[in-house]
N, C-alpha and C. Protein backbone atom coordinates (compact mmCIF):
# COMPACT_ATOMS: atom_id res chain seq x y z
N MET A 1 23.41 -0.95 118.93
CA MET A 1 23.49 -0.64 120.33
C MET A 1 24.30 0.64 120.48
N SER A 2 23.87 1.50 121.37
CA SER A 2 24.51 2.81 121.52
C SER A 2 25.81 2.71 122.31
N ASN A 3 26.59 3.77 122.22
CA ASN A 3 27.85 3.85 122.94
C ASN A 3 27.61 3.78 124.45
N GLY A 4 26.54 4.40 124.91
CA GLY A 4 26.21 4.37 126.34
C GLY A 4 25.89 2.97 126.83
N GLN A 5 25.21 2.18 126.00
CA GLN A 5 24.90 0.81 126.37
C GLN A 5 26.16 -0.04 126.43
N ARG A 6 27.08 0.17 125.51
CA ARG A 6 28.35 -0.56 125.55
C ARG A 6 29.13 -0.21 126.81
N LYS A 7 29.15 1.07 127.16
CA LYS A 7 29.83 1.50 128.38
C LYS A 7 29.19 0.87 129.62
N ALA A 8 27.87 0.77 129.63
CA ALA A 8 27.17 0.17 130.76
C ALA A 8 27.53 -1.30 130.90
N ILE A 9 27.62 -2.02 129.80
CA ILE A 9 28.00 -3.44 129.84
C ILE A 9 29.39 -3.58 130.42
N ILE A 10 30.33 -2.76 129.94
CA ILE A 10 31.71 -2.84 130.42
C ILE A 10 31.79 -2.46 131.89
N ALA A 11 30.97 -1.50 132.33
CA ALA A 11 31.00 -1.07 133.73
C ALA A 11 30.43 -2.11 134.68
N VAL A 12 29.40 -2.83 134.25
CA VAL A 12 28.72 -3.79 135.13
C VAL A 12 29.37 -5.16 135.11
N HIS A 13 29.83 -5.59 133.95
CA HIS A 13 30.42 -6.92 133.82
C HIS A 13 31.91 -6.84 134.16
N VAL A 14 32.20 -6.90 135.44
CA VAL A 14 33.57 -6.82 135.95
C VAL A 14 33.95 -8.13 136.63
N ARG A 15 35.23 -8.31 136.85
CA ARG A 15 35.70 -9.52 137.52
C ARG A 15 35.31 -9.48 138.99
N GLY A 16 34.63 -10.53 139.43
CA GLY A 16 34.27 -10.66 140.84
C GLY A 16 35.45 -11.24 141.62
N LEU A 17 35.28 -11.34 142.93
CA LEU A 17 36.35 -11.84 143.79
C LEU A 17 36.76 -13.27 143.46
N GLU A 18 35.83 -14.07 142.99
CA GLU A 18 36.11 -15.47 142.69
C GLU A 18 36.53 -15.70 141.25
N GLY A 19 36.73 -14.63 140.48
CA GLY A 19 37.15 -14.75 139.08
C GLY A 19 35.99 -14.90 138.11
N MET A 20 34.79 -14.78 138.62
CA MET A 20 33.60 -14.89 137.78
C MET A 20 33.09 -13.48 137.43
N CYS A 21 32.26 -13.41 136.41
CA CYS A 21 31.69 -12.13 135.97
C CYS A 21 30.61 -11.69 136.96
N ALA A 22 30.80 -10.52 137.57
CA ALA A 22 29.85 -10.02 138.55
C ALA A 22 28.51 -9.64 137.90
N GLY A 23 28.53 -9.12 136.68
CA GLY A 23 27.30 -8.73 136.00
C GLY A 23 26.43 -9.92 135.66
N CYS A 24 27.04 -10.99 135.16
CA CYS A 24 26.27 -12.20 134.83
C CYS A 24 25.66 -12.81 136.09
N ARG A 25 26.43 -12.78 137.17
CA ARG A 25 25.93 -13.35 138.43
C ARG A 25 24.77 -12.52 138.97
N ALA A 26 24.89 -11.20 138.93
CA ALA A 26 23.84 -10.32 139.48
C ALA A 26 22.59 -10.32 138.61
N TRP A 27 22.74 -10.28 137.29
CA TRP A 27 21.59 -10.15 136.40
C TRP A 27 20.91 -11.47 136.08
N TRP A 28 21.70 -12.53 135.89
CA TRP A 28 21.12 -13.79 135.43
C TRP A 28 21.41 -14.97 136.33
N SER A 29 22.06 -14.74 137.47
CA SER A 29 22.42 -15.82 138.40
C SER A 29 23.23 -16.91 137.71
N ARG A 30 24.12 -16.48 136.81
CA ARG A 30 24.99 -17.43 136.10
C ARG A 30 26.41 -17.27 136.58
N LEU A 31 27.07 -18.38 136.80
CA LEU A 31 28.49 -18.35 137.13
C LEU A 31 29.27 -18.47 135.81
N THR A 32 29.70 -17.33 135.32
CA THR A 32 30.41 -17.26 134.05
C THR A 32 31.80 -16.71 134.29
N PRO A 33 32.83 -17.38 133.78
CA PRO A 33 34.19 -16.86 133.96
C PRO A 33 34.34 -15.49 133.31
N TYR A 34 35.14 -14.65 133.95
CA TYR A 34 35.43 -13.33 133.39
C TYR A 34 36.64 -13.44 132.47
N PRO A 35 36.66 -12.83 131.31
CA PRO A 35 35.64 -11.98 130.71
C PRO A 35 34.55 -12.81 130.04
N CYS A 36 33.32 -12.42 130.25
CA CYS A 36 32.19 -13.12 129.65
C CYS A 36 32.01 -12.65 128.20
N TRP A 37 31.07 -13.26 127.51
CA TRP A 37 30.89 -12.91 126.09
C TRP A 37 30.37 -11.49 125.93
N GLN A 38 29.63 -10.95 126.93
CA GLN A 38 29.16 -9.57 126.82
C GLN A 38 30.33 -8.59 126.83
N VAL A 39 31.31 -8.84 127.70
CA VAL A 39 32.48 -7.97 127.76
C VAL A 39 33.29 -8.10 126.47
N ASP A 40 33.46 -9.32 125.98
CA ASP A 40 34.17 -9.52 124.71
C ASP A 40 33.51 -8.74 123.59
N TRP A 41 32.19 -8.82 123.51
CA TRP A 41 31.45 -8.13 122.46
C TRP A 41 31.59 -6.62 122.60
N ALA A 42 31.37 -6.09 123.81
CA ALA A 42 31.39 -4.65 124.02
C ALA A 42 32.78 -4.06 123.77
N THR A 43 33.82 -4.76 124.19
CA THR A 43 35.18 -4.23 123.96
C THR A 43 35.55 -4.29 122.48
N SER A 44 35.07 -5.31 121.76
CA SER A 44 35.36 -5.36 120.32
C SER A 44 34.63 -4.24 119.58
N ARG A 45 33.40 -3.94 119.99
CA ARG A 45 32.66 -2.83 119.36
C ARG A 45 33.30 -1.50 119.68
N ARG A 46 33.80 -1.35 120.90
CA ARG A 46 34.47 -0.11 121.28
C ARG A 46 35.73 0.06 120.43
N ALA A 47 36.47 -1.02 120.25
CA ALA A 47 37.69 -0.95 119.42
C ALA A 47 37.35 -0.61 117.98
N ARG A 48 36.28 -1.18 117.45
CA ARG A 48 35.87 -0.87 116.07
C ARG A 48 35.48 0.59 115.92
N SER A 49 34.74 1.12 116.90
CA SER A 49 34.32 2.51 116.78
C SER A 49 35.52 3.45 116.92
N MET A 50 36.49 3.10 117.76
CA MET A 50 37.69 3.92 117.89
C MET A 50 38.50 3.88 116.60
N THR A 51 38.61 2.73 115.98
CA THR A 51 39.34 2.60 114.71
C THR A 51 38.65 3.40 113.62
N ALA A 52 37.30 3.30 113.58
CA ALA A 52 36.55 4.05 112.58
C ALA A 52 36.73 5.55 112.76
N ALA A 53 36.74 6.01 114.00
CA ALA A 53 36.94 7.44 114.26
C ALA A 53 38.34 7.87 113.84
N LEU A 54 39.33 7.02 114.10
CA LEU A 54 40.70 7.34 113.73
C LEU A 54 40.87 7.41 112.21
N LEU A 55 40.17 6.54 111.49
CA LEU A 55 40.26 6.51 110.04
C LEU A 55 39.26 7.43 109.35
N GLY A 56 38.53 8.20 110.13
CA GLY A 56 37.56 9.12 109.55
C GLY A 56 36.29 8.43 109.10
N ASP A 57 35.85 7.43 109.83
CA ASP A 57 34.62 6.67 109.56
C ASP A 57 34.66 5.97 108.20
N ARG A 58 35.83 5.59 107.74
CA ARG A 58 35.94 4.85 106.49
C ARG A 58 35.95 3.35 106.72
N ALA A 59 36.03 2.92 107.98
CA ALA A 59 36.13 1.49 108.27
C ALA A 59 34.79 0.81 108.22
């Protein structure tokens, strides 16, 4: 998955007023607590890519 797609997931899957994920509710009509698994996945991939860049892509 590209960096742009990860950014899109993080931008859309935000905490709604009721503490649920707004992206899951809008896209799939699911009431999922925030942070949902998509946000967990995207933030972990972002952290991995930042670590790899810091280490010179040796990670």
